[in-house]
């Protein structure tokens, strides 16, 4: 099993898809990566909390 598959199967707590995995999917892009990373992490956090909320109901 590759490292990417391990990350997807067992990400850190509070994370659905880690930034490193998403960056591999997207590839290199021009611009400030930190801005995109920050927004991705906010979106990912929202998705995690949304799923957690519905699972706990």
PDB file of N, CA and C in Angstrom:
ATOM      1  N   UNK A   1       0.847  -1.168   0.000  1.00  0.00           N
ATOM      2  CA  UNK A   1       0.000   0.000   0.000  1.00  0.00           C
ATOM      3  C   UNK A   1       0.898   1.238   0.000  1.00  0.00           C
ATOM      4  N   UNK A   2       0.574   2.198  -0.857  1.00  0.00           N
ATOM      5  CA  UNK A   2       1.394   3.403  -0.968  1.00  0.00           C
ATOM      6  C   UNK A   2       1.109   4.352   0.203  1.00  0.00           C
ATOM      7  N   UNK A   3       1.993   5.308   0.380  1.00  0.00           N
ATOM      8  CA  UNK A   3       1.844   6.296   1.452  1.00  0.00           C
ATOM      9  C   UNK A   3       0.579   7.125   1.253  1.00  0.00           C
ATOM     10  N   UNK A   4       0.260   7.444  -0.005  1.00  0.00           N
ATOM     11  CA  UNK A   4      -0.946   8.222  -0.301  1.00  0.00           C
ATOM     12  C   UNK A   4      -2.194   7.462   0.131  1.00  0.00           C
ATOM     13  N   UNK A   5      -2.244   6.164  -0.163  1.00  0.00           N
ATOM     14  CA  UNK A   5      -3.386   5.350   0.236  1.00  0.00           C
ATOM     15  C   UNK A   5      -3.505   5.278   1.757  1.00  0.00           C
ATOM     16  N   UNK A   6      -2.368   5.188   2.447  1.00  0.00           N
ATOM     17  CA  UNK A   6      -2.388   5.163   3.906  1.00  0.00           C
ATOM     18  C   UNK A   6      -2.936   6.469   4.472  1.00  0.00           C
ATOM     19  N   UNK A   7      -2.538   7.611   3.854  1.00  0.00           N
ATOM     20  CA  UNK A   7      -3.030   8.910   4.311  1.00  0.00           C
ATOM     21  C   UNK A   7      -4.536   9.021   4.118  1.00  0.00           C
ATOM     22  N   UNK A   8      -5.048   8.507   2.999  1.00  0.00           N
ATOM     23  CA  UNK A   8      -6.476   8.583   2.758  1.00  0.00           C
ATOM     24  C   UNK A   8      -7.265   7.673   3.686  1.00  0.00           C
ATOM     25  N   UNK A   9      -6.711   6.519   4.016  1.00  0.00           N
ATOM     26  CA  UNK A   9      -7.409   5.594   4.894  1.00  0.00           C
ATOM     27  C   UNK A   9      -7.347   6.011   6.355  1.00  0.00           C
ATOM     28  N   UNK A  10      -6.274   6.683   6.756  1.00  0.00           N
ATOM     29  CA  UNK A  10      -6.097   7.056   8.148  1.00  0.00           C
ATOM     30  C   UNK A  10      -5.529   8.474   8.257  1.00  0.00           C
ATOM     31  N   UNK A  11      -6.338   9.501   7.907  1.00  0.00           N
ATOM     32  CA  UNK A  11      -5.826  10.874   8.016  1.00  0.00           C
ATOM     33  C   UNK A  11      -5.760  11.321   9.475  1.00  0.00           C
ATOM     34  N   UNK A  12      -5.142  12.437   9.704  1.00  0.00           N
ATOM     35  CA  UNK A  12      -5.079  12.998  11.054  1.00  0.00           C
ATOM     36  C   UNK A  12      -6.481  13.330  11.542  1.00  0.00           C
ATOM     37  N   UNK A  13      -6.680  13.375  12.867  1.00  0.00           N
ATOM     38  CA  UNK A  13      -7.997  13.734  13.387  1.00  0.00           C
ATOM     39  C   UNK A  13      -8.431  15.117  12.896  1.00  0.00           C
ATOM     40  N   UNK A  14      -9.681  15.224  12.479  1.00  0.00           N
ATOM     41  CA  UNK A  14     -10.216  16.501  12.008  1.00  0.00           C
ATOM     42  C   UNK A  14      -9.952  16.780  10.552  1.00  0.00           C
ATOM     43  N   UNK A  15      -9.475  15.792   9.799  1.00  0.00           N
ATOM     44  CA  UNK A  15      -9.129  15.986   8.392  1.00  0.00           C
ATOM     45  C   UNK A  15      -9.813  14.923   7.549  1.00  0.00           C
ATOM     46  N   UNK A  16     -10.440  15.353   6.451  1.00  0.00           N
ATOM     47  CA  UNK A  16     -11.020  14.395   5.500  1.00  0.00           C
ATOM     48  C   UNK A  16      -9.985  14.030   4.438  1.00  0.00           C
ATOM     49  N   UNK A  17      -9.473  15.047   3.737  1.00  0.00           N
ATOM     50  CA  UNK A  17      -8.451  14.847   2.706  1.00  0.00           C
ATOM     51  C   UNK A  17      -7.295  15.787   3.018  1.00  0.00           C
ATOM     52  N   UNK A  18      -6.132  15.258   3.370  1.00  0.00           N
ATOM     53  CA  UNK A  18      -4.979  16.107   3.707  1.00  0.00           C
ATOM     54  C   UNK A  18      -4.542  16.988   2.528  1.00  0.00           C
ATOM     55  N   UNK A  19      -3.976  18.128   2.839  1.00  0.00           N
ATOM     56  CA  UNK A  19      -3.518  19.068   1.819  1.00  0.00           C
ATOM     57  C   UNK A  19      -2.491  18.427   0.891  1.00  0.00           C
ATOM     58  N   UNK A  20      -1.585  17.638   1.431  1.00  0.00           N
ATOM     59  CA  UNK A  20      -0.557  17.005   0.602  1.00  0.00           C
ATOM     60  C   UNK A  20      -1.173  16.102  -0.464  1.00  0.00           C
ATOM     61  N   UNK A  21      -2.214  15.375  -0.102  1.00  0.00           N
ATOM     62  CA  UNK A  21      -2.891  14.500  -1.068  1.00  0.00           C
ATOM     63  C   UNK A  21      -3.599  15.340  -2.127  1.00  0.00           C
ATOM     64  N   UNK A  22      -4.269  16.397  -1.703  1.00  0.00           N
ATOM     65  CA  UNK A  22      -4.977  17.264  -2.650  1.00  0.00           C
ATOM     66  C   UNK A  22      -3.998  17.956  -3.584  1.00  0.00           C
ATOM     67  N   UNK A  23      -2.852  18.353  -3.074  1.00  0.00           N
ATOM     68  CA  UNK A  23      -1.839  19.016  -3.898  1.00  0.00           C
ATOM     69  C   UNK A  23      -1.324  18.079  -4.981  1.00  0.00           C
ATOM     70  N   UNK A  24      -1.184  16.795  -4.669  1.00  0.00           N
ATOM     71  CA  UNK A  24      -0.770  15.815  -5.681  1.00  0.00           C
ATOM     72  C   UNK A  24      -1.822  15.696  -6.781  1.00  0.00           C
ATOM     73  N   UNK A  25      -3.103  15.747  -6.418  1.00  0.00           N
ATOM     74  CA  UNK A  25      -4.177  15.673  -7.400  1.00  0.00           C
ATOM     75  C   UNK A  25      -4.176  16.889  -8.317  1.00  0.00           C
ATOM     76  N   UNK A  26      -3.987  18.058  -7.737  1.00  0.00           N
ATOM     77  CA  UNK A  26      -4.049  19.307  -8.492  1.00  0.00           C
ATOM     78  C   UNK A  26      -2.770  19.528  -9.290  1.00  0.00           C
ATOM     79  N   UNK A  27      -1.639  19.199  -8.712  1.00  0.00           N
ATOM     80  CA  UNK A  27      -0.357  19.465  -9.353  1.00  0.00           C
ATOM     81  C   UNK A  27       0.107  20.881  -9.034  1.00  0.00           C
ATOM     82  N   UNK A  28       1.142  21.299  -9.716  1.00  0.00           N
ATOM     83  CA  UNK A  28       1.674  22.651  -9.496  1.00  0.00           C
ATOM     84  C   UNK A  28       0.735  23.684 -10.095  1.00  0.00           C
ATOM     85  N   UNK A  29       0.657  24.817  -9.436  1.00  0.00           N
ATOM     86  CA  UNK A  29      -0.157  25.905  -9.958  1.00  0.00           C
ATOM     87  C   UNK A  29       0.530  27.228  -9.656  1.00  0.00           C
ATOM     88  N   UNK A  30       0.317  28.217 -10.504  1.00  0.00           N
ATOM     89  CA  UNK A  30       0.940  29.520 -10.255  1.00  0.00           C
ATOM     90  C   UNK A  30       0.216  30.246  -9.120  1.00  0.00           C
ATOM     91  N   UNK A  31       0.907  31.099  -8.463  1.00  0.00           N
ATOM     92  CA  UNK A  31       0.290  31.867  -7.396  1.00  0.00           C
ATOM     93  C   UNK A  31       0.804  31.460  -6.029  1.00  0.00           C
ATOM     94  N   UNK A  32       0.164  32.009  -5.034  1.00  0.00           N
ATOM     95  CA  UNK A  32       0.559  31.783  -3.645  1.00  0.00           C
ATOM     96  C   UNK A  32      -0.104  30.516  -3.113  1.00  0.00           C
ATOM     97  N   UNK A  33       0.688  29.489  -2.914  1.00  0.00           N
ATOM     98  CA  UNK A  33       0.174  28.203  -2.448  1.00  0.00           C
ATOM     99  C   UNK A  33      -0.392  28.301  -1.039  1.00  0.00           C
ATOM    100  N   UNK A  34       0.154  29.160  -0.210  1.00  0.00           N
ATOM    101  CA  UNK A  34      -0.309  29.277   1.174  1.00  0.00           C
ATOM    102  C   UNK A  34      -1.761  29.756   1.246  1.00  0.00           C
ATOM    103  N   UNK A  35      -2.165  30.643   0.339  1.00  0.00           N
ATOM    104  CA  UNK A  35      -3.548  31.119   0.323  1.00  0.00           C
ATOM    105  C   UNK A  35      -4.489  29.972   0.000  1.00  0.00           C
ATOM    106  N   UNK A  36      -4.146  29.198  -1.013  1.00  0.00           N
ATOM    107  CA  UNK A  36      -4.983  28.068  -1.425  1.00  0.00           C
ATOM    108  C   UNK A  36      -5.002  26.999  -0.326  1.00  0.00           C
ATOM    109  N   UNK A  37      -3.846  26.756   0.276  1.00  0.00           N
ATOM    110  CA  UNK A  37      -3.764  25.761   1.348  1.00  0.00           C
ATOM    111  C   UNK A  37      -4.656  26.161   2.521  1.00  0.00           C
ATOM    112  N   UNK A  38      -4.612  27.415   2.901  1.00  0.00           N
ATOM    113  CA  UNK A  38      -5.424  27.902   4.013  1.00  0.00           C
ATOM    114  C   UNK A  38      -6.914  27.721   3.714  1.00  0.00           C
ATOM    115  N   UNK A  39      -7.334  28.069   2.509  1.00  0.00           N
ATOM    116  CA  UNK A  39      -8.739  27.924   2.135  1.00  0.00           C
ATOM    117  C   UNK A  39      -9.149  26.455   2.049  1.00  0.00           C
ATOM    118  N   UNK A  40      -8.260  25.601   1.539  1.00  0.00           N
ATOM    119  CA  UNK A  40      -8.565  24.178   1.474  1.00  0.00           C
ATOM    120  C   UNK A  40      -8.755  23.611   2.884  1.00  0.00           C
ATOM    121  N   UNK A  41      -7.887  23.979   3.799  1.00  0.00           N
ATOM    122  CA  UNK A  41      -7.982  23.467   5.156  1.00  0.00           C
ATOM    123  C   UNK A  41      -9.262  23.945   5.843  1.00  0.00           C
ATOM    124  N   UNK A  42      -9.706  25.172   5.555  1.00  0.00           N
ATOM    125  CA  UNK A  42     -10.972  25.654   6.115  1.00  0.00           C
ATOM    126  C   UNK A  42     -12.145  24.859   5.539  1.00  0.00           C
ATOM    127  N   UNK A  43     -12.126  24.621   4.231  1.00  0.00           N
ATOM    128  CA  UNK A  43     -13.188  23.854   3.592  1.00  0.00           C
ATOM    129  C   UNK A  43     -13.201  22.417   4.098  1.00  0.00           C
ATOM    130  N   UNK A  44     -12.035  21.820   4.226  1.00  0.00           N
ATOM    131  CA  UNK A  44     -11.921  20.457   4.711  1.00  0.00           C
ATOM    132  C   UNK A  44     -12.413  20.360   6.155  1.00  0.00           C
ATOM    133  N   UNK A  45     -12.100  21.338   6.970  1.00  0.00           N
ATOM    134  CA  UNK A  45     -12.556  21.363   8.357  1.00  0.00           C
ATOM    135  C   UNK A  45     -14.081  21.450   8.402  1.00  0.00           C
ATOM    136  N   UNK A  46     -14.667  22.278   7.550  1.00  0.00           N
ATOM    137  CA  UNK A  46     -16.116  22.388   7.491  1.00  0.00           C
ATOM    138  C   UNK A  46     -16.739  21.043   7.109  1.00  0.00           C
ATOM    139  N   UNK A  47     -16.173  20.383   6.101  1.00  0.00           N
ATOM    140  CA  UNK A  47     -16.691  19.087   5.656  1.00  0.00           C
ATOM    141  C   UNK A  47     -16.597  18.058   6.783  1.00  0.00           C
ATOM    142  N   UNK A  48     -15.487  18.030   7.477  1.00  0.00           N
ATOM    143  CA  UNK A  48     -15.309  17.087   8.585  1.00  0.00           C
ATOM    144  C   UNK A  48     -16.361  17.326   9.664  1.00  0.00           C
ATOM    145  N   UNK A  49     -16.556  18.577  10.036  1.00  0.00           N
ATOM    146  CA  UNK A  49     -17.531  18.884  11.087  1.00  0.00           C
ATOM    147  C   UNK A  49     -18.960  18.603  10.638  1.00  0.00           C
ATOM    148  N   UNK A  50     -19.258  18.853   9.377  1.00  0.00           N
ATOM    149  CA  UNK A  50     -20.584  18.559   8.840  1.00  0.00           C
ATOM    150  C   UNK A  50     -20.864  17.061   8.922  1.00  0.00           C
ATOM    151  N   UNK A  51     -19.916  16.262   8.485  1.00  0.00           N
ATOM    152  CA  UNK A  51     -20.086  14.807   8.541  1.00  0.00           C
ATOM    153  C   UNK A  51     -20.188  14.348   9.987  1.00  0.00           C
ATOM    154  N   UNK A  52     -19.356  14.869  10.869  1.00  0.00           N
ATOM    155  CA  UNK A  52     -19.367  14.479  12.272  1.00  0.00           C
ATOM    156  C   UNK A  52     -20.723  14.804  12.901  1.00  0.00           C
ATOM    157  N   UNK A  53     -21.275  15.965  12.572  1.00  0.00           N
ATOM    158  CA  UNK A  53     -22.559  16.376  13.109  1.00  0.00           C
ATOM    159  C   UNK A  53     -23.644  15.375  12.715  1.00  0.00           C
ATOM    160  N   UNK A  54     -23.698  14.969  11.449  1.00  0.00           N
ATOM    161  CA  UNK A  54     -24.744  14.063  11.000  1.00  0.00           C
ATOM    162  C   UNK A  54     -24.534  12.643  11.499  1.00  0.00           C
ATOM    163  N   UNK A  55     -23.322  12.237  11.715  1.00  0.00           N
ATOM    164  CA  UNK A  55     -23.074  10.888  12.241  1.00  0.00           C
ATOM    165  C   UNK A  55     -23.506  10.807  13.700  1.00  0.00           C
ATOM    166  N   UNK A  56     -23.317  11.878  14.434  1.00  0.00           N
ATOM    167  CA  UNK A  56     -23.632  11.872  15.866  1.00  0.00           C
ATOM    168  C   UNK A  56     -25.100  12.056  16.181  1.00  0.00           C
ATOM    169  N   UNK A  57     -25.929  12.326  15.195  1.00  0.00           N
ATOM    170  CA  UNK A  57     -27.371  12.521  15.443  1.00  0.00           C
ATOM    171  C   UNK A  57     -28.049  11.241  15.742  1.00  0.00           C
TER     172      UNK A  57
END
